[in-house]
N, C-alpha and C. Protein backbone atom coordinates (compact mmCIF):
# COMPACT_ATOMS: atom_id res chain seq x y z
N MET A 1 96.59 3.26 -19.23
CA MET A 1 95.48 2.30 -19.15
C MET A 1 95.39 1.83 -17.71
N LEU A 2 96.60 1.54 -17.12
CA LEU A 2 96.52 0.90 -15.74
C LEU A 2 96.09 2.04 -14.74
N ARG A 3 96.58 3.25 -14.95
CA ARG A 3 96.05 4.34 -14.10
C ARG A 3 94.58 4.54 -14.17
N ALA A 4 94.04 4.39 -15.26
CA ALA A 4 92.54 4.52 -15.42
C ALA A 4 91.87 3.38 -14.66
N LEU A 5 92.44 2.27 -14.66
CA LEU A 5 91.90 1.18 -13.89
C LEU A 5 91.98 1.38 -12.29
N ARG A 6 93.00 2.19 -11.97
CA ARG A 6 93.20 2.35 -10.53
C ARG A 6 92.39 3.51 -9.96
N LEU A 7 91.75 4.27 -10.84
CA LEU A 7 91.03 5.48 -10.49
C LEU A 7 89.84 4.95 -9.63
N SER A 8 89.55 5.69 -8.56
CA SER A 8 88.41 5.29 -7.76
C SER A 8 87.16 6.04 -8.24
N VAL A 9 86.01 5.57 -7.73
CA VAL A 9 84.79 6.20 -8.07
C VAL A 9 84.83 7.69 -7.60
N ALA A 10 85.49 7.97 -6.48
CA ALA A 10 85.58 9.35 -5.93
C ALA A 10 86.44 10.22 -6.92
N ASP A 11 87.53 9.64 -7.45
CA ASP A 11 88.31 10.44 -8.36
C ASP A 11 87.53 10.72 -9.69
N ILE A 12 86.82 9.86 -10.16
CA ILE A 12 85.97 9.98 -11.40
C ILE A 12 84.90 10.99 -11.10
N THR A 13 84.29 10.89 -9.96
CA THR A 13 83.20 11.86 -9.54
C THR A 13 83.79 13.28 -9.43
N GLU A 14 84.95 13.41 -8.76
CA GLU A 14 85.53 14.75 -8.60
C GLU A 14 85.92 15.36 -10.03
N ASP A 15 86.52 14.50 -10.82
CA ASP A 15 86.86 14.97 -12.18
C ASP A 15 85.62 15.48 -12.98
N TYR A 16 84.54 14.63 -12.92
CA TYR A 16 83.32 15.01 -13.57
C TYR A 16 82.74 16.31 -13.08
N ARG A 17 82.84 16.46 -11.69
CA ARG A 17 82.27 17.62 -11.02
C ARG A 17 82.95 18.87 -11.55
N LEU A 18 84.33 18.81 -11.57
CA LEU A 18 85.14 19.88 -11.97
C LEU A 18 84.86 20.22 -13.46
N TRP A 19 84.81 19.29 -14.38
CA TRP A 19 84.48 19.42 -15.73
C TRP A 19 83.15 20.09 -15.95
N PHE A 20 82.16 19.55 -15.20
CA PHE A 20 80.75 20.06 -15.34
C PHE A 20 80.79 21.55 -14.84
N ARG A 21 81.36 21.86 -13.75
CA ARG A 21 81.37 23.17 -13.23
C ARG A 21 82.00 24.17 -14.19
N GLU A 22 83.21 23.84 -14.81
CA GLU A 22 83.84 24.68 -15.77
C GLU A 22 82.95 24.87 -16.98
N ARG A 23 82.35 23.81 -17.41
CA ARG A 23 81.45 23.93 -18.58
C ARG A 23 80.30 24.82 -18.32
N MET A 24 79.63 24.67 -17.15
CA MET A 24 78.55 25.49 -16.79
C MET A 24 78.88 26.97 -16.66
N TYR A 25 80.07 27.26 -16.04
CA TYR A 25 80.54 28.58 -15.84
C TYR A 25 80.77 29.20 -17.30
N GLY A 26 81.31 28.42 -18.13
CA GLY A 26 81.53 28.95 -19.55
C GLY A 26 80.27 29.28 -20.22
N GLU A 27 79.25 28.43 -20.05
CA GLU A 27 77.99 28.67 -20.80
C GLU A 27 77.31 29.89 -20.17
N VAL A 28 77.38 30.02 -18.86
CA VAL A 28 76.70 31.13 -18.14
C VAL A 28 77.42 32.42 -18.59
N GLU A 29 78.75 32.40 -18.63
CA GLU A 29 79.56 33.57 -19.02
C GLU A 29 79.15 34.00 -20.48
N GLU A 30 79.02 33.01 -21.40
CA GLU A 30 78.65 33.28 -22.74
C GLU A 30 77.31 33.97 -22.82
N GLU A 31 76.30 33.38 -22.08
CA GLU A 31 74.94 33.96 -22.05
C GLU A 31 74.92 35.31 -21.49
N LEU A 32 75.72 35.55 -20.41
CA LEU A 32 75.72 36.88 -19.80
C LEU A 32 76.33 37.84 -20.79
N ASN A 33 77.37 37.53 -21.49
CA ASN A 33 78.03 38.44 -22.47
C ASN A 33 77.12 38.69 -23.66
N ARG A 34 76.34 37.73 -24.04
CA ARG A 34 75.38 37.91 -25.18
C ARG A 34 74.28 38.87 -24.71
N GLU A 35 73.80 38.70 -23.45
CA GLU A 35 72.74 39.56 -22.95
C GLU A 35 73.27 41.05 -22.75
N TRP A 36 74.49 41.12 -22.35
CA TRP A 36 75.17 42.42 -22.09
C TRP A 36 75.31 43.11 -23.49
N ARG A 37 75.80 42.32 -24.38
CA ARG A 37 76.07 42.93 -25.81
C ARG A 37 74.70 43.44 -26.45
N ASN A 38 73.64 42.67 -26.24
CA ASN A 38 72.31 43.10 -26.81
C ASN A 38 71.81 44.27 -26.14
N ARG A 39 71.94 44.39 -24.79
CA ARG A 39 71.48 45.60 -24.05
C ARG A 39 72.35 46.73 -24.39
N TRP A 40 73.70 46.55 -24.55
CA TRP A 40 74.58 47.65 -24.85
C TRP A 40 74.22 48.24 -26.20
N ARG A 41 73.97 47.35 -27.16
CA ARG A 41 73.62 47.93 -28.55
C ARG A 41 72.28 48.64 -28.52
N ALA A 42 71.31 48.10 -27.77
CA ALA A 42 69.94 48.73 -27.76
C ALA A 42 69.78 49.93 -26.86
N SER A 43 70.69 50.15 -25.95
CA SER A 43 70.57 51.25 -24.96
C SER A 43 70.74 52.59 -25.63
N THR A 44 70.10 53.61 -25.02
CA THR A 44 70.34 55.02 -25.42
C THR A 44 71.33 55.68 -24.52
N LYS A 45 71.78 55.01 -23.47
CA LYS A 45 72.79 55.52 -22.56
C LYS A 45 74.15 55.11 -22.97
N GLY A 46 75.12 55.99 -22.60
CA GLY A 46 76.49 55.77 -22.81
C GLY A 46 76.93 55.73 -24.31
N ARG A 47 76.27 56.53 -25.10
CA ARG A 47 76.58 56.50 -26.53
C ARG A 47 77.94 57.06 -26.88
N THR A 48 78.45 57.91 -26.11
CA THR A 48 79.84 58.41 -26.38
C THR A 48 80.86 57.24 -26.13
N THR A 49 80.61 56.52 -25.06
CA THR A 49 81.52 55.35 -24.83
C THR A 49 81.29 54.32 -25.95
N PHE A 50 80.07 54.13 -26.36
CA PHE A 50 79.64 53.17 -27.46
C PHE A 50 80.38 53.55 -28.74
N SER A 51 80.53 54.88 -29.05
CA SER A 51 81.19 55.18 -30.25
C SER A 51 82.67 54.75 -30.23
N PHE A 52 83.30 54.60 -29.17
CA PHE A 52 84.68 54.21 -29.02
C PHE A 52 84.80 52.68 -28.69
N VAL A 53 83.81 52.14 -28.03
CA VAL A 53 83.82 50.72 -27.64
C VAL A 53 82.45 50.10 -28.01
N PRO A 54 82.24 49.78 -29.20
CA PRO A 54 80.90 49.26 -29.57
C PRO A 54 80.60 47.82 -29.12
N ASP A 55 81.66 47.07 -28.79
CA ASP A 55 81.41 45.70 -28.30
C ASP A 55 81.72 45.63 -26.84
N ALA A 56 80.58 45.41 -26.09
CA ALA A 56 80.63 45.50 -24.60
C ALA A 56 81.72 44.51 -24.07
N ALA A 57 81.74 43.20 -24.45
CA ALA A 57 82.63 42.26 -23.97
C ALA A 57 84.05 42.62 -24.38
N GLY A 58 84.24 43.09 -25.64
CA GLY A 58 85.59 43.51 -26.12
C GLY A 58 85.99 44.67 -25.34
N GLY A 59 85.16 45.53 -24.88
CA GLY A 59 85.54 46.69 -24.14
C GLY A 59 86.18 46.45 -22.92
N ARG A 60 85.91 45.30 -22.29
CA ARG A 60 86.51 44.86 -21.03
C ARG A 60 88.01 44.59 -21.31
N ARG A 61 88.36 44.12 -22.48
CA ARG A 61 89.75 43.88 -22.84
C ARG A 61 90.48 45.19 -23.23
N LEU A 62 89.66 46.02 -23.89
CA LEU A 62 90.20 47.25 -24.49
C LEU A 62 90.47 48.36 -23.46
N VAL A 63 89.53 48.53 -22.61
CA VAL A 63 89.59 49.62 -21.55
C VAL A 63 90.20 49.04 -20.36
N SER A 64 91.38 49.45 -20.01
CA SER A 64 92.12 48.96 -18.86
C SER A 64 91.62 49.60 -17.56
N THR A 65 91.75 48.90 -16.49
CA THR A 65 91.46 49.46 -15.20
C THR A 65 92.55 50.46 -14.74
N GLU A 66 93.60 50.40 -15.44
CA GLU A 66 94.71 51.31 -15.19
C GLU A 66 94.62 52.54 -16.01
N MET A 67 93.48 52.69 -16.75
CA MET A 67 93.29 53.91 -17.67
C MET A 67 93.40 55.09 -16.92
N PRO A 68 94.15 56.19 -17.28
CA PRO A 68 94.20 57.44 -16.60
C PRO A 68 92.82 58.03 -16.42
N TYR A 69 92.61 58.74 -15.34
CA TYR A 69 91.31 59.30 -15.06
C TYR A 69 90.88 60.22 -16.16
N ALA A 70 91.66 61.12 -16.62
CA ALA A 70 91.31 62.06 -17.72
C ALA A 70 90.80 61.26 -18.94
N VAL A 71 91.51 60.19 -19.36
CA VAL A 71 91.13 59.53 -20.57
C VAL A 71 89.86 58.75 -20.31
N ALA A 72 89.61 58.26 -19.15
CA ALA A 72 88.33 57.61 -18.78
C ALA A 72 87.15 58.57 -18.89
N ARG A 73 87.40 59.78 -18.40
CA ARG A 73 86.32 60.75 -18.45
C ARG A 73 86.01 61.22 -19.81
N LEU A 74 87.05 61.27 -20.62
CA LEU A 74 86.85 61.72 -22.10
C LEU A 74 86.10 60.63 -22.82
N VAL A 75 86.58 59.33 -22.65
CA VAL A 75 85.89 58.25 -23.38
C VAL A 75 84.45 58.02 -22.98
N THR A 76 84.12 58.29 -21.66
CA THR A 76 82.73 58.10 -21.28
C THR A 76 81.93 59.33 -21.55
N GLY A 77 82.54 60.48 -21.93
CA GLY A 77 81.72 61.60 -22.26
C GLY A 77 81.53 62.52 -21.07
N HIS A 78 82.28 62.22 -19.96
CA HIS A 78 82.00 63.04 -18.73
C HIS A 78 83.20 63.94 -18.50
N GLY A 79 84.02 64.19 -19.46
CA GLY A 79 85.15 65.19 -19.29
C GLY A 79 84.51 66.59 -19.32
N MET A 80 85.23 67.56 -18.85
CA MET A 80 84.72 68.87 -18.88
C MET A 80 85.01 69.54 -20.28
N LEU A 81 84.36 68.99 -21.22
CA LEU A 81 84.43 69.64 -22.57
C LEU A 81 83.28 70.56 -22.71
N ARG A 82 83.46 71.54 -23.58
CA ARG A 82 82.51 72.69 -23.69
C ARG A 82 81.11 72.27 -24.03
N ALA A 83 80.96 71.20 -24.95
CA ALA A 83 79.66 70.77 -25.31
C ALA A 83 78.91 70.23 -24.10
N LYS A 84 79.61 69.44 -23.21
CA LYS A 84 78.98 68.87 -22.04
C LYS A 84 78.65 70.06 -21.04
N MET A 85 79.64 70.94 -20.93
CA MET A 85 79.47 72.02 -19.95
C MET A 85 78.25 72.95 -20.40
N PHE A 86 78.13 73.12 -21.78
CA PHE A 86 77.10 73.91 -22.25
C PHE A 86 75.72 73.26 -21.97
N GLU A 87 75.68 71.98 -22.12
CA GLU A 87 74.41 71.25 -21.72
C GLU A 87 74.04 71.41 -20.30
N MET A 88 75.00 71.55 -19.43
CA MET A 88 74.81 71.71 -18.02
C MET A 88 74.61 73.15 -17.60
N GLY A 89 74.70 74.04 -18.53
CA GLY A 89 74.49 75.46 -18.29
C GLY A 89 75.78 76.06 -17.61
N LEU A 90 76.91 75.45 -17.84
CA LEU A 90 78.17 75.93 -17.33
C LEU A 90 79.11 76.61 -18.24
N ALA A 91 78.64 76.66 -19.61
CA ALA A 91 79.49 77.34 -20.61
C ALA A 91 78.48 78.12 -21.47
N THR A 92 79.05 79.21 -22.05
CA THR A 92 78.20 80.08 -22.93
C THR A 92 77.94 79.54 -24.28
N ASP A 93 78.81 78.57 -24.71
CA ASP A 93 78.61 78.02 -25.97
C ASP A 93 79.30 76.55 -26.01
N PRO A 94 78.98 75.76 -26.96
CA PRO A 94 79.56 74.40 -26.96
C PRO A 94 80.74 74.22 -27.84
N TYR A 95 81.35 75.26 -28.34
CA TYR A 95 82.29 75.26 -29.37
C TYR A 95 83.77 75.22 -28.92
N CYS A 96 84.55 74.45 -29.65
CA CYS A 96 86.07 74.32 -29.50
C CYS A 96 86.59 75.57 -30.16
N ALA A 97 87.88 75.78 -29.96
CA ALA A 97 88.60 76.91 -30.51
C ALA A 97 88.54 76.90 -32.08
N CYS A 98 88.45 75.68 -32.67
CA CYS A 98 88.34 75.57 -34.06
C CYS A 98 86.92 75.88 -34.67
N GLY A 99 85.98 76.01 -33.78
CA GLY A 99 84.63 76.28 -34.24
C GLY A 99 83.62 75.07 -34.30
N ASP A 100 84.13 73.86 -34.16
CA ASP A 100 83.27 72.73 -34.06
C ASP A 100 82.86 72.52 -32.63
N PRO A 101 81.75 71.70 -32.40
CA PRO A 101 81.35 71.45 -31.04
C PRO A 101 82.45 70.66 -30.37
N GLU A 102 82.83 71.03 -29.14
CA GLU A 102 83.88 70.34 -28.41
C GLU A 102 83.37 69.13 -27.65
N THR A 103 83.35 68.04 -28.41
CA THR A 103 82.84 66.72 -27.81
C THR A 103 84.09 65.80 -27.79
N ALA A 104 83.83 64.62 -27.07
CA ALA A 104 84.96 63.65 -26.95
C ALA A 104 85.29 63.15 -28.29
N GLU A 105 84.30 62.93 -29.14
CA GLU A 105 84.59 62.40 -30.47
C GLU A 105 85.46 63.42 -31.22
N HIS A 106 85.18 64.65 -31.17
CA HIS A 106 85.84 65.75 -31.79
C HIS A 106 87.30 65.77 -31.30
N ILE A 107 87.49 65.76 -30.03
CA ILE A 107 88.89 65.81 -29.40
C ILE A 107 89.71 64.68 -29.85
N ILE A 108 89.14 63.41 -29.72
CA ILE A 108 89.89 62.19 -30.02
C ILE A 108 90.11 61.94 -31.53
N MET A 109 89.03 62.14 -32.33
CA MET A 109 89.06 61.72 -33.70
C MET A 109 89.46 62.84 -34.70
N GLU A 110 89.24 64.11 -34.29
CA GLU A 110 89.39 65.19 -35.31
C GLU A 110 90.42 66.19 -34.99
N TYR A 111 90.61 66.47 -33.70
CA TYR A 111 91.42 67.57 -33.28
C TYR A 111 92.82 67.33 -33.48
């Protein structure tokens, strides 16, 4: 109680400024994540990645910046898999050795 009485107006103002800034940053971050999530769900782009990481904000925690290059290419659908190479005209067919289309989903989930 005595400490509270000794606080100056400058101390209170600084504490309030810090509290307000933290609260505003939190609200802005929430709104940005909400907008990002809505756009991520509605987009037609990045659907291979979406199949593995359906929650945009959660994906930031799930997908590490230390992820190996080959894994990142596979999860984003940019690995040199036959289905992708076939789309680009670089393979004669899109099929894996097992006969299914060689996609990231196939390699990670089924193969």
